[in-house]
Amino acid sequence: MSTSLMNPSEAPTTVPPPRKARRIPGWATAMIGVAGAVVLLSTTSYLTGVPQLTSTGTIQTAVRLALPILLAGLGGLWAERAGVVNIGLEGMMIMGTWGAAWAGYQWGPWAALLAAAVFGALGGLLHAIATVTFGVNHIVSGVAINLLGAGLTKYLSTLIFFPLSNNPRESPSVPKFDTYSAAGFSDWLGELEAQQRVGLSDVAGILRGLVTGVSPLTMLAVALVIGSYLVLWKSRFGLRLRSCGENPVAAESLGVNVYLYKYIGVIGSGALAGMGGAALVLNPGQPGYLEGQTNGRGFIGLAAMIFGNWRPGGLLGGAALFGYADGLQLRSGGKTFLALIYGAVLLLAVIVIWQLVRRRWFAAAGGVVAAVVLYAVYYSVDEVPSELTTYAPHLVTLIVLAVASQRLRMPAADGVVYRRG
C-alpha cells in the first residue's frame, strides 16, 4: 500500500458554477413597458403638436372600447388554458349583446350584465358539448357558434325588439351604469393637463382619463383579470385546469376529471365573452343592441390573448393597445393617426439601436427599412384616409401578432381532441 503526498498549493480547486442572471419580475417588466409607452406618446405629442394622443377624452374612450376586448380575451384564456380553442368568442359576444339589451331594457344594467353572462355561457356550453363530448374539431365548432350567434340574435331581434323599436336591427335604449370620478384629484389633473407642459401634462391627461367617469363594469373587469391570475396560477383548481391544457393524459392519471375541467373552462369562457358583449351595449356611446356592433371584437380579443402569451397581465396590455387604437380613430381621426405613424418611426429607431448593440445586423437593417418607409408616408401625406383609420384596430392586430409571434408559447395540448383511456 503506498501513499502520496500532495503539496497544498497543487491541490485541485473546484470552480464555482456561474451565477445565473437575475430575471426581472413580470410586474417590473410591465411597469417598464408602461413607462416606455408614456414616454413615447409624450415625445410624439410634443414633436408633432398633437395633444390628443394623451388627452383625457382619448384615454376615456380607449378604456371603454378596451373593455369588450379584455373580457372576450379573458374568456379565450380560460378556454385555451383548459385545452379548448375558442374561436367562437365572436358568436358568444353577439349572444351576450342581445341578452344584455333584452334584460337591461326591462330590469337595468346589472340584470343586463347577468343575462349577457348567461347567454354567453349557453354558447360556451354548446361549444363544450361539441368539442369535449363529441370530439368535433375546435375550429369547426367555433365557426358554427359564430354563425349560430349571428343568426339566432337576428331572429330574436325581429321577434322581440321590432314591436318595441320599430327596427328589427336595434333594441330600445338600455339604461347605463352610473360613473364615478376622483373629484378633487381629477380636477387637479385637469388643471395640470391644461398647462400643456411637456411630459407632465401628458401623464396628467392619461391619469385623468383613468380616474374620471369610471364605470362599475370597468372595476369588475380589472377585478376579473386579477381574480383569473390568482385562480389559475395560485390555486389547486387552477393548476388542475391548466394541466388539462398541457397534458390531459397525465392529469387524468393523477385523478383529475379532465372532461369536467374542460367544461368549466369553456362555459366560463362563454360567460366572460357574453359580458364583453354587455360592455358594448352598456357603453354610454351606444343606445343599446345594434346588429353587427361587435365588429370582429371577439377575434381581436383572441388576438389580445395570444399577444399576452396566454397570461392575464399580457392580455391586459394587448386589450389596452387595441382599445387605444380604436378610441384614437373615434376621437381624433386621420391627423392624429399620422402623428402615431411618427411615433412608430421613433419606436423603430430605438429598436434599431438596440439591435445594433446586440449585433443583430439583419434585424437592424429591417428596422431601418421599415422606419424609412413609415417616415416617407408621414412626410408625403397630410392626413390618413378615413378608410384606413376605421380599420386601425384590425391593422394593429395583424402587425402586433406578426411581431410577437416568435416569443409565444401556447398550452401544449391546446386544440387537441382528448379521449379518455
Protein backbone atom coordinates (compact mmCIF):
# COMPACT_ATOMS: atom_id res chain seq x y z
CA MET A 1 0.00 0.00 0.00
CA SER A 2 1.51 3.33 -1.00
CA THR A 3 0.64 6.86 -0.12
CA SER A 4 1.43 10.03 -1.97
CA LEU A 5 1.86 13.45 -0.54
CA MET A 6 0.47 16.43 -2.42
CA ASN A 7 1.51 19.99 -1.97
CA PRO A 8 -1.50 22.02 -0.79
CA SER A 9 -0.74 24.57 -3.45
CA GLU A 10 -1.10 21.83 -6.10
CA ALA A 11 -4.45 20.57 -4.79
CA PRO A 12 -7.27 20.69 -7.36
CA THR A 13 -9.64 23.59 -6.92
CA THR A 14 -13.35 23.40 -7.59
CA VAL A 15 -14.64 26.04 -9.95
CA PRO A 16 -17.85 27.59 -8.63
CA PRO A 17 -20.78 27.37 -11.04
CA PRO A 18 -21.53 30.57 -12.93
CA ARG A 19 -24.16 32.73 -11.36
CA LYS A 20 -27.45 32.84 -13.13
CA ALA A 21 -28.53 36.25 -14.26
CA ARG A 22 -31.38 37.54 -12.17
CA ARG A 23 -34.61 37.53 -14.08
CA ILE A 24 -36.65 40.72 -13.97
CA PRO A 25 -40.04 40.05 -12.32
CA GLY A 26 -43.08 40.18 -14.55
CA TRP A 27 -44.59 43.17 -12.74
CA ALA A 28 -41.34 45.12 -13.16
CA THR A 29 -41.27 44.35 -16.88
CA ALA A 30 -44.86 45.53 -17.17
CA MET A 31 -44.09 48.80 -15.35
CA ILE A 32 -41.07 49.42 -17.61
CA GLY A 33 -43.28 48.82 -20.65
CA VAL A 34 -45.95 51.24 -19.40
CA ALA A 35 -43.33 53.90 -18.65
CA GLY A 36 -41.80 53.44 -22.10
CA ALA A 37 -45.21 53.79 -23.78
CA VAL A 38 -45.93 57.01 -21.85
CA VAL A 39 -42.54 58.47 -22.80
CA LEU A 40 -43.07 57.53 -26.45
CA LEU A 41 -46.55 59.08 -26.60
CA SER A 42 -45.40 62.20 -24.76
CA THR A 43 -42.43 62.68 -27.10
CA THR A 44 -44.59 62.14 -30.17
CA SER A 45 -47.22 64.55 -28.89
CA TYR A 46 -44.57 67.24 -28.31
CA LEU A 47 -42.77 66.80 -31.64
CA THR A 48 -45.94 66.67 -33.74
CA GLY A 49 -48.03 69.18 -31.80
CA VAL A 50 -50.95 66.74 -31.40
CA PRO A 51 -52.06 66.71 -27.72
CA GLN A 52 -54.96 64.33 -28.50
CA LEU A 53 -52.56 61.40 -28.24
CA THR A 54 -52.62 61.68 -24.44
CA SER A 55 -55.78 63.68 -23.81
CA THR A 56 -58.35 62.73 -21.17
CA GLY A 57 -61.08 62.15 -23.75
CA THR A 58 -58.93 59.79 -25.81
CA ILE A 59 -57.97 57.71 -22.75
CA GLN A 60 -61.59 57.53 -21.52
CA THR A 61 -62.76 56.34 -24.93
CA ALA A 62 -59.90 53.85 -25.11
CA VAL A 63 -60.83 52.37 -21.71
CA ARG A 64 -64.48 51.92 -22.73
CA LEU A 65 -63.52 50.28 -26.02
CA ALA A 66 -60.86 48.08 -24.42
CA LEU A 67 -63.41 46.53 -22.02
CA PRO A 68 -65.17 44.20 -24.51
CA ILE A 69 -61.80 43.17 -25.97
CA LEU A 70 -60.42 42.48 -22.49
CA LEU A 71 -63.42 40.40 -21.39
CA ALA A 72 -63.51 38.42 -24.64
CA GLY A 73 -59.78 37.74 -24.41
CA LEU A 74 -60.17 36.67 -20.79
CA GLY A 75 -62.82 34.21 -21.95
CA GLY A 76 -60.42 32.84 -24.55
CA LEU A 77 -57.75 32.50 -21.85
CA TRP A 78 -59.94 30.26 -19.66
CA ALA A 79 -60.91 28.01 -22.54
CA GLU A 80 -57.45 27.63 -24.03
CA ARG A 81 -55.77 27.07 -20.69
CA ALA A 82 -58.15 24.10 -20.40
CA GLY A 83 -57.04 22.91 -23.84
CA VAL A 84 -60.01 24.05 -25.97
CA VAL A 85 -59.53 26.59 -28.76
CA ASN A 86 -62.46 29.01 -28.59
CA ILE A 87 -62.68 30.77 -31.92
CA GLY A 88 -66.40 31.15 -31.24
CA LEU A 89 -65.84 34.14 -28.94
CA GLU A 90 -67.39 36.45 -31.53
CA GLY A 91 -70.64 34.47 -31.60
CA MET A 92 -70.78 34.32 -27.80
CA MET A 93 -70.26 38.08 -27.65
CA ILE A 94 -73.11 38.58 -30.12
CA MET A 95 -75.38 36.44 -27.95
CA GLY A 96 -74.28 38.47 -24.94
CA THR A 97 -75.20 41.76 -26.64
CA TRP A 98 -78.73 40.57 -27.29
CA GLY A 99 -79.15 39.17 -23.78
CA ALA A 100 -77.84 42.40 -22.25
CA ALA A 101 -80.24 44.55 -24.29
CA TRP A 102 -83.24 42.35 -23.55
CA ALA A 103 -82.69 42.18 -19.78
CA GLY A 104 -81.27 45.69 -19.44
CA TYR A 105 -84.30 47.28 -21.09
CA GLN A 106 -86.58 45.66 -18.51
CA TRP A 107 -84.55 45.49 -15.29
CA GLY A 108 -81.49 47.72 -15.57
CA PRO A 109 -77.73 47.40 -16.15
CA TRP A 110 -76.93 44.76 -13.54
CA ALA A 111 -79.60 42.48 -14.98
CA ALA A 112 -78.13 43.20 -18.42
CA LEU A 113 -74.71 42.03 -17.26
CA LEU A 114 -76.10 38.86 -15.69
CA ALA A 115 -78.21 37.98 -18.75
CA ALA A 116 -75.25 38.58 -21.06
CA ALA A 117 -73.15 36.15 -18.99
CA VAL A 118 -75.93 33.54 -19.14
CA PHE A 119 -76.40 33.86 -22.91
CA GLY A 120 -72.65 33.70 -23.49
CA ALA A 121 -72.38 30.68 -21.19
CA LEU A 122 -75.04 28.89 -23.27
CA GLY A 123 -72.85 29.41 -26.31
CA GLY A 124 -69.90 28.08 -24.33
CA LEU A 125 -71.94 25.04 -23.28
CA LEU A 126 -72.72 24.24 -26.94
CA HIS A 127 -69.04 24.57 -27.79
CA ALA A 128 -68.09 22.29 -24.89
CA ILE A 129 -70.63 19.63 -25.87
CA ALA A 130 -69.35 19.63 -29.43
CA THR A 131 -65.62 19.64 -28.69
CA VAL A 132 -65.27 17.85 -25.36
CA THR A 133 -68.07 15.28 -25.52
CA PHE A 134 -68.32 14.57 -29.24
CA GLY A 135 -64.75 15.42 -30.29
CA VAL A 136 -65.67 17.89 -33.02
CA ASN A 137 -62.76 19.90 -34.41
CA HIS A 138 -62.44 23.04 -32.27
CA ILE A 139 -62.18 25.43 -35.22
CA VAL A 140 -65.22 23.94 -36.96
CA SER A 141 -67.29 24.16 -33.78
CA GLY A 142 -66.17 27.75 -33.17
CA VAL A 143 -67.14 28.85 -36.67
CA ALA A 144 -70.53 27.19 -36.19
CA ILE A 145 -71.03 29.07 -32.91
CA ASN A 146 -70.26 32.36 -34.68
CA LEU A 147 -72.82 31.65 -37.38
CA LEU A 148 -75.38 30.44 -34.85
CA GLY A 149 -74.92 33.52 -32.66
CA ALA A 150 -75.45 35.91 -35.56
CA GLY A 151 -78.49 34.04 -36.89
CA LEU A 152 -80.13 33.49 -33.50
CA THR A 153 -79.86 37.11 -32.41
CA LYS A 154 -81.19 38.32 -35.75
CA TYR A 155 -84.26 36.12 -35.34
CA LEU A 156 -84.78 37.14 -31.69
CA SER A 157 -84.38 40.82 -32.54
CA THR A 158 -87.06 40.60 -35.20
CA LEU A 159 -89.32 38.75 -32.78
CA ILE A 160 -88.76 40.84 -29.61
CA PHE A 161 -87.28 44.22 -30.48
CA PHE A 162 -89.20 45.06 -33.67
CA PRO A 163 -92.53 45.69 -31.85
CA LEU A 164 -90.71 47.93 -29.34
CA SER A 165 -88.32 49.96 -31.51
CA ASN A 166 -89.86 49.51 -34.99
CA ASN A 167 -86.42 48.35 -36.10
CA PRO A 168 -85.52 44.63 -36.23
CA ARG A 169 -81.80 45.50 -36.06
CA GLU A 170 -81.88 47.69 -32.98
CA SER A 171 -83.20 47.48 -29.43
CA PRO A 172 -84.83 50.24 -27.41
CA SER A 173 -82.49 52.38 -25.32
CA VAL A 174 -80.91 50.49 -22.41
CA PRO A 175 -80.13 52.15 -19.03
CA LYS A 176 -76.40 52.55 -18.33
CA PHE A 177 -74.27 52.27 -15.21
CA ASP A 178 -73.58 55.38 -13.17
CA THR A 179 -69.96 56.51 -13.39
CA TYR A 180 -67.62 57.66 -10.63
CA SER A 181 -64.69 60.07 -10.53
CA ALA A 182 -62.00 61.03 -8.04
CA ALA A 183 -63.33 64.59 -7.95
CA GLY A 184 -60.55 66.60 -6.30
CA PHE A 185 -57.73 64.60 -7.84
CA SER A 186 -59.37 64.70 -11.27
CA ASP A 187 -59.77 68.49 -11.14
CA TRP A 188 -56.12 68.97 -10.18
CA LEU A 189 -55.03 66.71 -13.05
CA GLY A 190 -57.27 68.68 -15.42
CA GLU A 191 -55.55 71.92 -14.46
CA LEU A 192 -52.16 70.32 -14.95
CA GLU A 193 -53.17 68.95 -18.35
CA ALA A 194 -54.41 72.36 -19.49
CA GLN A 195 -50.98 73.90 -18.83
CA GLN A 196 -49.52 71.82 -21.70
CA ARG A 197 -46.20 71.14 -20.03
CA VAL A 198 -44.04 68.66 -21.87
CA GLY A 199 -44.34 65.21 -20.34
CA LEU A 200 -46.09 66.35 -17.17
CA SER A 201 -49.35 67.32 -18.89
CA ASP A 202 -49.28 64.10 -20.91
CA VAL A 203 -49.05 62.00 -17.76
CA ALA A 204 -51.81 64.10 -16.19
CA GLY A 205 -54.08 63.55 -19.19
CA ILE A 206 -53.55 59.80 -19.10
CA LEU A 207 -54.14 59.54 -15.35
CA ARG A 208 -57.20 61.78 -15.54
CA GLY A 209 -58.69 59.58 -18.24
CA LEU A 210 -58.23 56.56 -15.97
CA VAL A 211 -59.86 58.08 -12.84
CA THR A 212 -62.68 60.11 -14.41
CA GLY A 213 -66.04 58.64 -15.37
CA VAL A 214 -65.17 55.11 -14.24
CA SER A 215 -67.96 52.56 -14.65
CA PRO A 216 -68.57 49.66 -12.22
CA LEU A 217 -68.06 47.39 -15.23
CA THR A 218 -64.52 48.72 -15.59
CA MET A 219 -63.82 47.94 -11.94
CA LEU A 220 -65.32 44.47 -12.36
CA ALA A 221 -63.19 43.77 -15.45
CA VAL A 222 -59.98 44.69 -13.62
CA ALA A 223 -61.05 42.51 -10.69
CA LEU A 224 -61.69 39.62 -13.08
CA VAL A 225 -58.18 39.94 -14.53
CA ILE A 226 -56.64 39.83 -11.05
CA GLY A 227 -59.00 37.04 -9.97
CA SER A 228 -58.19 34.97 -13.06
CA TYR A 229 -54.48 35.20 -12.29
CA LEU A 230 -54.99 34.19 -8.66
CA VAL A 231 -57.32 31.30 -9.51
CA LEU A 232 -55.39 29.91 -12.47
CA TRP A 233 -51.85 30.32 -11.11
CA LYS A 234 -52.23 30.34 -7.32
CA SER A 235 -54.81 27.66 -6.56
CA ARG A 236 -55.16 23.89 -6.84
CA PHE A 237 -58.19 24.32 -9.07
CA GLY A 238 -56.20 26.47 -11.48
CA LEU A 239 -53.29 24.04 -11.53
CA ARG A 240 -55.62 21.19 -12.43
CA LEU A 241 -57.38 23.21 -15.12
CA ARG A 242 -54.07 24.28 -16.69
CA SER A 243 -52.82 20.70 -16.57
CA CYS A 244 -55.75 19.75 -18.81
CA GLY A 245 -54.39 22.17 -21.41
CA GLU A 246 -50.81 20.97 -21.09
CA ASN A 247 -51.07 17.18 -20.72
CA PRO A 248 -54.60 15.83 -20.18
CA VAL A 249 -53.44 12.19 -20.16
CA ALA A 250 -51.06 12.84 -17.26
CA ALA A 251 -53.73 14.89 -15.48
CA GLU A 252 -56.26 12.06 -15.81
CA SER A 253 -53.71 9.57 -14.46
CA LEU A 254 -53.42 11.73 -11.33
CA GLY A 255 -57.17 11.71 -10.73
CA VAL A 256 -58.17 14.96 -12.45
CA ASN A 257 -61.57 14.81 -14.14
CA VAL A 258 -60.39 16.30 -17.45
CA TYR A 259 -63.84 16.44 -19.03
CA LEU A 260 -65.27 18.35 -16.06
CA TYR A 261 -62.47 20.92 -16.02
CA LYS A 262 -62.72 21.46 -19.77
CA TYR A 263 -66.45 22.04 -19.42
CA ILE A 264 -65.85 24.57 -16.63
CA GLY A 265 -63.22 26.38 -18.68
CA VAL A 266 -65.31 26.63 -21.84
CA ILE A 267 -68.58 27.58 -20.13
CA GLY A 268 -66.74 30.23 -18.10
CA SER A 269 -65.15 31.40 -21.33
CA GLY A 270 -68.58 31.90 -22.88
CA ALA A 271 -69.83 33.80 -19.82
CA LEU A 272 -66.88 36.20 -19.98
CA ALA A 273 -67.33 36.72 -23.72
CA GLY A 274 -71.02 37.43 -23.13
CA MET A 275 -70.04 40.06 -20.55
CA GLY A 276 -67.82 41.56 -23.24
CA GLY A 277 -70.95 41.90 -25.36
CA ALA A 278 -72.70 43.61 -22.44
CA ALA A 279 -69.82 46.11 -22.29
CA LEU A 280 -70.74 47.17 -25.83
CA VAL A 281 -74.44 47.54 -25.04
CA LEU A 282 -73.79 49.43 -21.79
CA ASN A 283 -71.26 51.76 -23.40
CA PRO A 284 -72.56 55.35 -22.99
CA GLY A 285 -71.97 55.95 -26.68
CA GLN A 286 -74.41 53.17 -27.67
CA PRO A 287 -78.21 53.28 -27.21
CA GLY A 288 -78.42 49.50 -26.81
CA TYR A 289 -78.23 46.43 -29.01
CA LEU A 290 -77.32 47.07 -32.64
CA GLU A 291 -76.87 44.38 -35.25
CA GLY A 292 -73.19 43.94 -36.13
CA GLN A 293 -71.94 46.08 -33.23
CA THR A 294 -69.28 43.55 -32.15
CA ASN A 295 -67.47 44.25 -35.45
CA GLY A 296 -64.93 41.44 -35.00
CA ARG A 297 -64.03 42.33 -31.40
CA GLY A 298 -64.26 38.68 -30.42
CA PHE A 299 -61.42 37.91 -32.84
CA ILE A 300 -59.48 40.95 -31.63
CA GLY A 301 -59.93 39.67 -28.05
CA LEU A 302 -58.49 36.33 -29.17
CA ALA A 303 -55.56 38.21 -30.71
CA ALA A 304 -55.04 40.16 -27.47
CA MET A 305 -54.91 36.87 -25.56
CA ILE A 306 -52.30 35.48 -27.98
CA PHE A 307 -50.32 38.73 -27.79
CA GLY A 308 -50.35 38.38 -24.00
CA ASN A 309 -48.88 34.86 -24.31
CA TRP A 310 -51.94 33.24 -22.71
CA ARG A 311 -51.47 35.18 -19.45
CA PRO A 312 -53.82 37.74 -17.83
CA GLY A 313 -51.24 40.53 -17.48
CA GLY A 314 -50.16 40.34 -21.10
CA LEU A 315 -53.80 40.14 -22.16
CA LEU A 316 -54.49 43.39 -20.28
CA GLY A 317 -51.68 45.09 -22.19
CA GLY A 318 -52.95 43.77 -25.54
CA ALA A 319 -56.51 44.90 -24.84
CA ALA A 320 -55.23 48.36 -23.85
CA LEU A 321 -53.28 48.61 -27.10
CA PHE A 322 -56.19 47.63 -29.33
CA GLY A 323 -58.66 49.73 -27.34
CA TYR A 324 -56.35 52.75 -27.66
CA ALA A 325 -56.13 52.31 -31.42
CA ASP A 326 -59.91 52.04 -31.64
CA GLY A 327 -60.51 55.02 -29.36
CA LEU A 328 -58.00 57.17 -31.22
CA GLN A 329 -59.75 56.76 -34.54
CA LEU A 330 -63.13 57.57 -32.98
CA ARG A 331 -61.95 60.66 -31.10
CA SER A 332 -59.42 62.26 -33.38
CA GLY A 333 -59.31 60.93 -36.93
CA GLY A 334 -56.64 61.00 -39.62
CA LYS A 335 -54.27 63.73 -38.38
CA THR A 336 -53.79 62.05 -35.03
CA PHE A 337 -53.08 58.74 -36.70
CA LEU A 338 -50.49 60.46 -38.83
CA ALA A 339 -48.81 61.58 -35.60
CA LEU A 340 -48.97 57.99 -34.39
CA ILE A 341 -47.06 56.93 -37.50
CA TYR A 342 -44.35 59.40 -36.47
CA GLY A 343 -44.32 57.74 -33.05
CA ALA A 344 -43.86 54.37 -34.76
CA VAL A 345 -40.78 55.78 -36.52
CA LEU A 346 -39.34 56.84 -33.14
CA LEU A 347 -40.03 53.38 -31.72
CA LEU A 348 -38.32 51.73 -34.68
CA ALA A 349 -35.30 53.98 -34.17
CA VAL A 350 -34.99 52.73 -30.57
CA ILE A 351 -35.37 49.12 -31.76
CA VAL A 352 -32.69 49.58 -34.40
CA ILE A 353 -30.24 50.95 -31.82
CA TRP A 354 -30.98 48.00 -29.53
CA GLN A 355 -30.43 45.51 -32.32
CA LEU A 356 -27.11 47.19 -33.22
CA VAL A 357 -25.97 46.90 -29.60
CA ARG A 358 -26.82 43.18 -29.72
CA ARG A 359 -25.08 42.90 -33.13
CA ARG A 360 -28.12 41.63 -34.93
CA TRP A 361 -27.36 43.29 -38.22
CA PHE A 362 -30.16 41.76 -40.28
CA ALA A 363 -32.86 42.77 -37.79
CA ALA A 364 -31.37 46.28 -37.56
CA ALA A 365 -31.39 46.61 -41.35
CA GLY A 366 -35.05 45.54 -41.46
CA GLY A 367 -35.92 48.13 -38.82
CA VAL A 368 -34.16 50.86 -40.80
CA VAL A 369 -36.11 49.97 -43.95
CA ALA A 370 -39.43 49.96 -42.06
CA ALA A 371 -38.61 53.33 -40.41
CA VAL A 372 -37.74 54.91 -43.77
CA VAL A 373 -40.98 53.68 -45.34
CA LEU A 374 -43.12 54.95 -42.46
CA TYR A 375 -41.37 58.33 -42.41
CA ALA A 376 -41.92 58.64 -46.16
CA VAL A 377 -45.64 58.05 -45.56
CA TYR A 378 -45.67 60.63 -42.75
CA TYR A 379 -43.84 63.21 -44.86
CA SER A 380 -45.87 62.73 -48.04
CA VAL A 381 -49.48 62.87 -46.75
CA ASP A 382 -51.35 65.44 -44.66
CA GLU A 383 -53.92 63.06 -43.16
CA VAL A 384 -54.50 59.31 -43.02
CA PRO A 385 -57.62 58.42 -45.08
CA SER A 386 -60.70 57.58 -43.03
CA GLU A 387 -60.97 54.23 -44.81
CA LEU A 388 -57.75 53.18 -43.08
CA THR A 389 -58.43 54.71 -39.66
CA THR A 390 -61.71 52.81 -39.42
CA TYR A 391 -59.83 49.53 -39.60
CA ALA A 392 -56.94 50.69 -37.41
CA PRO A 393 -57.61 48.12 -34.62
CA HIS A 394 -57.57 45.29 -37.15
CA LEU A 395 -54.35 46.55 -38.74
CA VAL A 396 -52.72 46.91 -35.32
CA THR A 397 -53.82 43.34 -34.53
CA LEU A 398 -52.09 41.95 -37.61
CA ILE A 399 -48.89 43.93 -37.04
CA VAL A 400 -48.63 43.05 -33.34
CA LEU A 401 -49.22 39.34 -33.92
CA ALA A 402 -46.65 39.29 -36.72
CA VAL A 403 -44.04 40.93 -34.46
CA ALA A 404 -44.83 38.93 -31.31
CA SER A 405 -45.27 35.51 -32.91
CA GLN A 406 -41.67 34.43 -32.26
CA ARG A 407 -41.89 34.60 -28.45
CA LEU A 408 -45.26 32.94 -27.91
CA ARG A 409 -45.91 29.60 -26.25
CA MET A 410 -49.42 28.22 -26.32
CA PRO A 411 -50.58 25.41 -23.97
CA ALA A 412 -49.09 22.17 -25.26
CA ALA A 413 -52.42 20.34 -25.72
CA ASP A 414 -54.42 23.38 -26.89
CA GLY A 415 -56.81 22.31 -29.64
CA VAL A 416 -56.08 18.59 -29.24
CA VAL A 417 -59.17 16.40 -29.11
CA TYR A 418 -58.93 14.37 -25.90
CA ARG A 419 -60.38 10.92 -25.41
CA ARG A 420 -60.27 9.19 -22.03
CA GLY A 421 -58.33 5.94 -21.94
